[in-house]
Amino acid sequence: MTRGNQRDKAREKAQKEKSGEKKKNTQSGSEQQRSKEQAAAIMREKQAKAEAKKAEGAAGGGAKK
């Protein structure tokens, strides 16, 4: 049932991947807030476009046969 050093190598590999994922936050508080606001504005625009398209489809879709 022993696997030699495979388990150890897999554990080391997982630790390297995990440590590589961590990124330091280089933005200050105001920069981070500004980026969040920009992302929120983009999402609001996308939602508005989707709702307009949905409303347009519902209004025009009933007339077609």
PDB file of N, CA and C in Angstrom:
ATOM      1  N   MET A   1       0.816  -1.198   0.000  1.00  0.00           N
ATOM      2  CA  MET A   1       0.000   0.000   0.000  1.00  0.00           C
ATOM      3  C   MET A   1       0.863   1.268   0.000  1.00  0.00           C
ATOM      4  N   THR A   2       2.163   1.123   0.066  1.00  0.00           N
ATOM      5  CA  THR A   2       3.006   2.310   0.078  1.00  0.00           C
ATOM      6  C   THR A   2       3.158   2.840  -1.335  1.00  0.00           C
ATOM      7  N   ARG A   3       3.325   4.111  -1.421  1.00  0.00           N
ATOM      8  CA  ARG A   3       3.430   4.754  -2.724  1.00  0.00           C
ATOM      9  C   ARG A   3       4.784   5.408  -2.913  1.00  0.00           C
ATOM     10  N   GLY A   4       5.722   5.095  -2.081  1.00  0.00           N
ATOM     11  CA  GLY A   4       7.033   5.709  -2.217  1.00  0.00           C
ATOM     12  C   GLY A   4       6.964   7.184  -1.907  1.00  0.00           C
ATOM     13  N   ASN A   5       7.609   7.974  -2.730  1.00  0.00           N
ATOM     14  CA  ASN A   5       7.619   9.415  -2.466  1.00  0.00           C
ATOM     15  C   ASN A   5       6.579  10.163  -3.301  1.00  0.00           C
ATOM     16  N   GLN A   6       5.656   9.474  -3.944  1.00  0.00           N
ATOM     17  CA  GLN A   6       4.629  10.149  -4.744  1.00  0.00           C
ATOM     18  C   GLN A   6       3.785  11.090  -3.896  1.00  0.00           C
ATOM     19  N   ARG A   7       3.425  10.616  -2.708  1.00  0.00           N
ATOM     20  CA  ARG A   7       2.587  11.427  -1.823  1.00  0.00           C
ATOM     21  C   ARG A   7       3.316  12.707  -1.431  1.00  0.00           C
ATOM     22  N   ASP A   8       4.602  12.576  -1.099  1.00  0.00           N
ATOM     23  CA  ASP A   8       5.379  13.756  -0.721  1.00  0.00           C
ATOM     24  C   ASP A   8       5.516  14.726  -1.880  1.00  0.00           C
ATOM     25  N   LYS A   9       5.777  14.194  -3.058  1.00  0.00           N
ATOM     26  CA  LYS A   9       5.917  15.069  -4.231  1.00  0.00           C
ATOM     27  C   LYS A   9       4.602  15.769  -4.552  1.00  0.00           C
ATOM     28  N   ALA A  10       3.498  15.047  -4.439  1.00  0.00           N
ATOM     29  CA  ALA A  10       2.187  15.653  -4.705  1.00  0.00           C
ATOM     30  C   ALA A  10       1.894  16.755  -3.689  1.00  0.00           C
ATOM     31  N   ARG A  11       2.268  16.512  -2.429  1.00  0.00           N
ATOM     32  CA  ARG A  11       2.048  17.520  -1.390  1.00  0.00           C
ATOM     33  C   ARG A  11       2.880  18.767  -1.671  1.00  0.00           C
ATOM     34  N   GLU A  12       4.128  18.594  -2.070  1.00  0.00           N
ATOM     35  CA  GLU A  12       4.987  19.741  -2.399  1.00  0.00           C
ATOM     36  C   GLU A  12       4.434  20.517  -3.580  1.00  0.00           C
ATOM     37  N   LYS A  13       3.976  19.798  -4.583  1.00  0.00           N
ATOM     38  CA  LYS A  13       3.419  20.454  -5.764  1.00  0.00           C
ATOM     39  C   LYS A  13       2.180  21.282  -5.401  1.00  0.00           C
ATOM     40  N   ALA A  14       1.326  20.704  -4.553  1.00  0.00           N
ATOM     41  CA  ALA A  14       0.119  21.413  -4.130  1.00  0.00           C
ATOM     42  C   ALA A  14       0.468  22.667  -3.344  1.00  0.00           C
ATOM     43  N   GLN A  15       1.487  22.594  -2.495  1.00  0.00           N
ATOM     44  CA  GLN A  15       1.901  23.762  -1.724  1.00  0.00           C
ATOM     45  C   GLN A  15       2.442  24.857  -2.628  1.00  0.00           C
ATOM     46  N   LYS A  16       3.188  24.473  -3.651  1.00  0.00           N
ATOM     47  CA  LYS A  16       3.723  25.467  -4.585  1.00  0.00           C
ATOM     48  C   LYS A  16       2.585  26.168  -5.315  1.00  0.00           C
ATOM     49  N   GLU A  17       1.585  25.392  -5.762  1.00  0.00           N
ATOM     50  CA  GLU A  17       0.460  25.987  -6.470  1.00  0.00           C
ATOM     51  C   GLU A  17      -0.331  26.907  -5.561  1.00  0.00           C
ATOM     52  N   LYS A  18      -0.526  26.464  -4.325  1.00  0.00           N
ATOM     53  CA  LYS A  18      -1.298  27.262  -3.371  1.00  0.00           C
ATOM     54  C   LYS A  18      -0.584  28.571  -3.071  1.00  0.00           C
ATOM     55  N   SER A  19       0.726  28.525  -2.879  1.00  0.00           N
ATOM     56  CA  SER A  19       1.467  29.736  -2.561  1.00  0.00           C
ATOM     57  C   SER A  19       1.542  30.670  -3.763  1.00  0.00           C
ATOM     58  N   GLY A  20       1.487  30.129  -4.962  1.00  0.00           N
ATOM     59  CA  GLY A  20       1.518  30.952  -6.167  1.00  0.00           C
ATOM     60  C   GLY A  20       0.227  31.701  -6.398  1.00  0.00           C
ATOM     61  N   GLU A  21      -0.870  31.193  -5.840  1.00  0.00           N
ATOM     62  CA  GLU A  21      -2.163  31.828  -6.049  1.00  0.00           C
ATOM     63  C   GLU A  21      -2.297  33.117  -5.250  1.00  0.00           C
ATOM     64  N   LYS A  22      -1.620  33.205  -4.129  1.00  0.00           N
ATOM     65  CA  LYS A  22      -1.772  34.370  -3.278  1.00  0.00           C
ATOM     66  C   LYS A  22      -1.133  35.585  -3.943  1.00  0.00           C
ATOM     67  N   LYS A  23      -1.927  36.609  -4.097  1.00  0.00           N
ATOM     68  CA  LYS A  23      -1.428  37.850  -4.683  1.00  0.00           C
ATOM     69  C   LYS A  23      -1.554  38.950  -3.645  1.00  0.00           C
ATOM     70  N   LYS A  24      -0.572  39.799  -3.607  1.00  0.00           N
ATOM     71  CA  LYS A  24      -0.643  40.918  -2.683  1.00  0.00           C
ATOM     72  C   LYS A  24      -1.504  42.014  -3.289  1.00  0.00           C
ATOM     73  N   ASN A  25      -2.221  42.674  -2.443  1.00  0.00           N
ATOM     74  CA  ASN A  25      -3.028  43.801  -2.872  1.00  0.00           C
ATOM     75  C   ASN A  25      -2.124  45.021  -2.981  1.00  0.00           C
ATOM     76  N   THR A  26      -1.925  45.490  -4.197  1.00  0.00           N
ATOM     77  CA  THR A  26      -1.033  46.627  -4.403  1.00  0.00           C
ATOM     78  C   THR A  26      -1.802  47.937  -4.509  1.00  0.00           C
ATOM     79  N   GLN A  27      -3.130  47.854  -4.450  1.00  0.00           N
ATOM     80  CA  GLN A  27      -3.933  49.068  -4.569  1.00  0.00           C
ATOM     81  C   GLN A  27      -4.183  49.670  -3.190  1.00  0.00           C
ATOM     82  N   SER A  28      -4.253  50.996  -3.166  1.00  0.00           N
ATOM     83  CA  SER A  28      -4.608  51.657  -1.918  1.00  0.00           C
ATOM     84  C   SER A  28      -6.127  51.570  -1.752  1.00  0.00           C
ATOM     85  N   GLY A  29      -6.621  52.011  -0.646  1.00  0.00           N
ATOM     86  CA  GLY A  29      -8.055  51.922  -0.369  1.00  0.00           C
ATOM     87  C   GLY A  29      -8.898  52.661  -1.386  1.00  0.00           C
ATOM     88  N   SER A  30      -8.487  53.868  -1.760  1.00  0.00           N
ATOM     89  CA  SER A  30      -9.272  54.656  -2.712  1.00  0.00           C
ATOM     90  C   SER A  30      -9.208  54.051  -4.118  1.00  0.00           C
ATOM     91  N   GLU A  31      -8.048  53.511  -4.483  1.00  0.00           N
ATOM     92  CA  GLU A  31      -7.929  52.867  -5.802  1.00  0.00           C
ATOM     93  C   GLU A  31      -8.805  51.623  -5.878  1.00  0.00           C
ATOM     94  N   GLN A  32      -8.822  50.862  -4.791  1.00  0.00           N
ATOM     95  CA  GLN A  32      -9.627  49.647  -4.756  1.00  0.00           C
ATOM     96  C   GLN A  32     -11.112  50.007  -4.836  1.00  0.00           C
ATOM     97  N   GLN A  33     -11.525  51.030  -4.115  1.00  0.00           N
ATOM     98  CA  GLN A  33     -12.922  51.467  -4.144  1.00  0.00           C
ATOM     99  C   GLN A  33     -13.300  51.934  -5.543  1.00  0.00           C
ATOM    100  N   ARG A  34     -12.400  52.653  -6.202  1.00  0.00           N
ATOM    101  CA  ARG A  34     -12.675  53.152  -7.553  1.00  0.00           C
ATOM    102  C   ARG A  34     -12.836  51.987  -8.530  1.00  0.00           C
ATOM    103  N   SER A  35     -11.987  50.947  -8.401  1.00  0.00           N
ATOM    104  CA  SER A  35     -12.109  49.797  -9.298  1.00  0.00           C
ATOM    105  C   SER A  35     -13.419  49.063  -9.067  1.00  0.00           C
ATOM    106  N   LYS A  36     -13.832  48.938  -7.811  1.00  0.00           N
ATOM    107  CA  LYS A  36     -15.105  48.287  -7.519  1.00  0.00           C
ATOM    108  C   LYS A  36     -16.266  49.065  -8.119  1.00  0.00           C
ATOM    109  N   GLU A  37     -16.203  50.384  -8.020  1.00  0.00           N
ATOM    110  CA  GLU A  37     -17.267  51.218  -8.575  1.00  0.00           C
ATOM    111  C   GLU A  37     -17.315  51.101 -10.101  1.00  0.00           C
ATOM    112  N   GLN A  38     -16.150  51.036 -10.740  1.00  0.00           N
ATOM    113  CA  GLN A  38     -16.112  50.883 -12.191  1.00  0.00           C
ATOM    114  C   GLN A  38     -16.691  49.542 -12.609  1.00  0.00           C
ATOM    115  N   ALA A  39     -16.352  48.484 -11.894  1.00  0.00           N
ATOM    116  CA  ALA A  39     -16.884  47.159 -12.200  1.00  0.00           C
ATOM    117  C   ALA A  39     -18.391  47.138 -11.994  1.00  0.00           C
ATOM    118  N   ALA A  40     -18.868  47.798 -10.952  1.00  0.00           N
ATOM    119  CA  ALA A  40     -20.308  47.848 -10.691  1.00  0.00           C
ATOM    120  C   ALA A  40     -21.030  48.616 -11.796  1.00  0.00           C
ATOM    121  N   ALA A  41     -20.419  49.679 -12.276  1.00  0.00           N
ATOM    122  CA  ALA A  41     -21.038  50.465 -13.354  1.00  0.00           C
ATOM    123  C   ALA A  41     -21.138  49.627 -14.630  1.00  0.00           C
ATOM    124  N   ILE A  42     -20.115  48.872 -14.921  1.00  0.00           N
ATOM    125  CA  ILE A  42     -20.134  48.012 -16.106  1.00  0.00           C
ATOM    126  C   ILE A  42     -21.238  46.978 -15.977  1.00  0.00           C
ATOM    127  N   MET A  43     -21.367  46.377 -14.800  1.00  0.00           N
ATOM    128  CA  MET A  43     -22.408  45.370 -14.588  1.00  0.00           C
ATOM    129  C   MET A  43     -23.798  45.979 -14.703  1.00  0.00           C
ATOM    130  N   ARG A  44     -23.981  47.199 -14.179  1.00  0.00           N
ATOM    131  CA  ARG A  44     -25.289  47.861 -14.308  1.00  0.00           C
ATOM    132  C   ARG A  44     -25.632  48.106 -15.772  1.00  0.00           C
ATOM    133  N   GLU A  45     -24.639  48.507 -16.576  1.00  0.00           N
ATOM    134  CA  GLU A  45     -24.873  48.721 -18.007  1.00  0.00           C
ATOM    135  C   GLU A  45     -25.284  47.418 -18.684  1.00  0.00           C
ATOM    136  N   LYS A  46     -24.587  46.334 -18.369  1.00  0.00           N
ATOM    137  CA  LYS A  46     -24.910  45.034 -18.961  1.00  0.00           C
ATOM    138  C   LYS A  46     -26.323  44.604 -18.585  1.00  0.00           C
ATOM    139  N   GLN A  47     -26.693  44.813 -17.325  1.00  0.00           N
ATOM    140  CA  GLN A  47     -28.027  44.438 -16.880  1.00  0.00           C
ATOM    141  C   GLN A  47     -29.088  45.270 -17.576  1.00  0.00           C
ATOM    142  N   ALA A  48     -28.831  46.554 -17.748  1.00  0.00           N
ATOM    143  CA  ALA A  48     -29.796  47.415 -18.420  1.00  0.00           C
ATOM    144  C   ALA A  48     -29.977  46.996 -19.880  1.00  0.00           C
ATOM    145  N   LYS A  49     -28.869  46.660 -20.548  1.00  0.00           N
ATOM    146  CA  LYS A  49     -28.953  46.200 -21.929  1.00  0.00           C
ATOM    147  C   LYS A  49     -29.735  44.893 -22.023  1.00  0.00           C
ATOM    148  N   ALA A  50     -29.476  43.983 -21.090  1.00  0.00           N
ATOM    149  CA  ALA A  50     -30.173  42.698 -21.096  1.00  0.00           C
ATOM    150  C   ALA A  50     -31.659  42.880 -20.843  1.00  0.00           C
ATOM    151  N   GLU A  51     -32.031  43.762 -19.928  1.00  0.00           N
ATOM    152  CA  GLU A  51     -33.438  44.009 -19.641  1.00  0.00           C
ATOM    153  C   GLU A  51     -34.119  44.670 -20.832  1.00  0.00           C
ATOM    154  N   ALA A  52     -33.417  45.592 -21.509  1.00  0.00           N
ATOM    155  CA  ALA A  52     -33.987  46.250 -22.682  1.00  0.00           C
ATOM    156  C   ALA A  52     -34.206  45.238 -23.804  1.00  0.00           C
ATOM    157  N   LYS A  53     -33.233  44.366 -23.993  1.00  0.00           N
ATOM    158  CA  LYS A  53     -33.348  43.346 -25.036  1.00  0.00           C
ATOM    159  C   LYS A  53     -34.490  42.383 -24.713  1.00  0.00           C
ATOM    160  N   LYS A  54     -34.625  42.019 -23.449  1.00  0.00           N
ATOM    161  CA  LYS A  54     -35.679  41.120 -23.014  1.00  0.00           C
ATOM    162  C   LYS A  54     -37.051  41.767 -23.214  1.00  0.00           C
ATOM    163  N   ALA A  55     -37.168  43.046 -22.857  1.00  0.00           N
ATOM    164  CA  ALA A  55     -38.438  43.763 -23.018  1.00  0.00           C
ATOM    165  C   ALA A  55     -38.772  43.916 -24.503  1.00  0.00           C
ATOM    166  N   GLU A  56     -37.761  44.173 -25.313  1.00  0.00           N
ATOM    167  CA  GLU A  56     -37.970  44.321 -26.754  1.00  0.00           C
ATOM    168  C   GLU A  56     -38.435  42.995 -27.362  1.00  0.00           C
ATOM    169  N   GLY A  57     -37.833  41.920 -26.924  1.00  0.00           N
ATOM    170  CA  GLY A  57     -38.213  40.600 -27.413  1.00  0.00           C
ATOM    171  C   GLY A  57     -39.613  40.215 -26.995  1.00  0.00           C
ATOM    172  N   ALA A  58     -40.001  40.580 -25.776  1.00  0.00           N
ATOM    173  CA  ALA A  58     -41.336  40.260 -25.288  1.00  0.00           C
ATOM    174  C   ALA A  58     -42.387  41.081 -26.020  1.00  0.00           C
ATOM    175  N   ALA A  59     -42.085  42.335 -26.319  1.00  0.00           N
ATOM    176  CA  ALA A  59     -43.038  43.202 -27.003  1.00  0.00           C
ATOM    177  C   ALA A  59     -43.163  42.803 -28.476  1.00  0.00           C
ATOM    178  N   GLY A  60     -42.070  42.496 -29.127  1.00  0.00           N
ATOM    179  CA  GLY A  60     -42.101  42.154 -30.539  1.00  0.00           C
ATOM    180  C   GLY A  60     -42.390  40.685 -30.783  1.00  0.00           C
ATOM    181  N   GLY A  61     -42.132  39.829 -29.814  1.00  0.00           N
ATOM    182  CA  GLY A  61     -42.289  38.395 -29.994  1.00  0.00           C
ATOM    183  C   GLY A  61     -43.734  37.949 -30.078  1.00  0.00           C
ATOM    184  N   GLY A  62     -44.653  38.675 -29.470  1.00  0.00           N
ATOM    185  CA  GLY A  62     -46.056  38.281 -29.490  1.00  0.00           C
ATOM    186  C   GLY A  62     -46.717  38.527 -30.833  1.00  0.00           C
ATOM    187  N   ALA A  63     -46.204  39.443 -31.646  1.00  0.00           N
ATOM    188  CA  ALA A  63     -46.824  39.787 -32.928  1.00  0.00           C
ATOM    189  C   ALA A  63     -46.449  38.793 -34.022  1.00  0.00           C
ATOM    190  N   LYS A  64     -45.334  38.118 -33.885  1.00  0.00           N
ATOM    191  CA  LYS A  64     -44.885  37.190 -34.928  1.00  0.00           C
ATOM    192  C   LYS A  64     -45.645  35.879 -34.843  1.00  0.00           C
ATOM    193  N   LYS A  65     -45.879  35.260 -36.014  1.00  0.00           N
ATOM    194  CA  LYS A  65     -46.560  33.958 -36.050  1.00  0.00           C
ATOM    195  C   LYS A  65     -45.647  32.933 -36.645  1.00  0.00           C
TER     196      LYS A  65
END
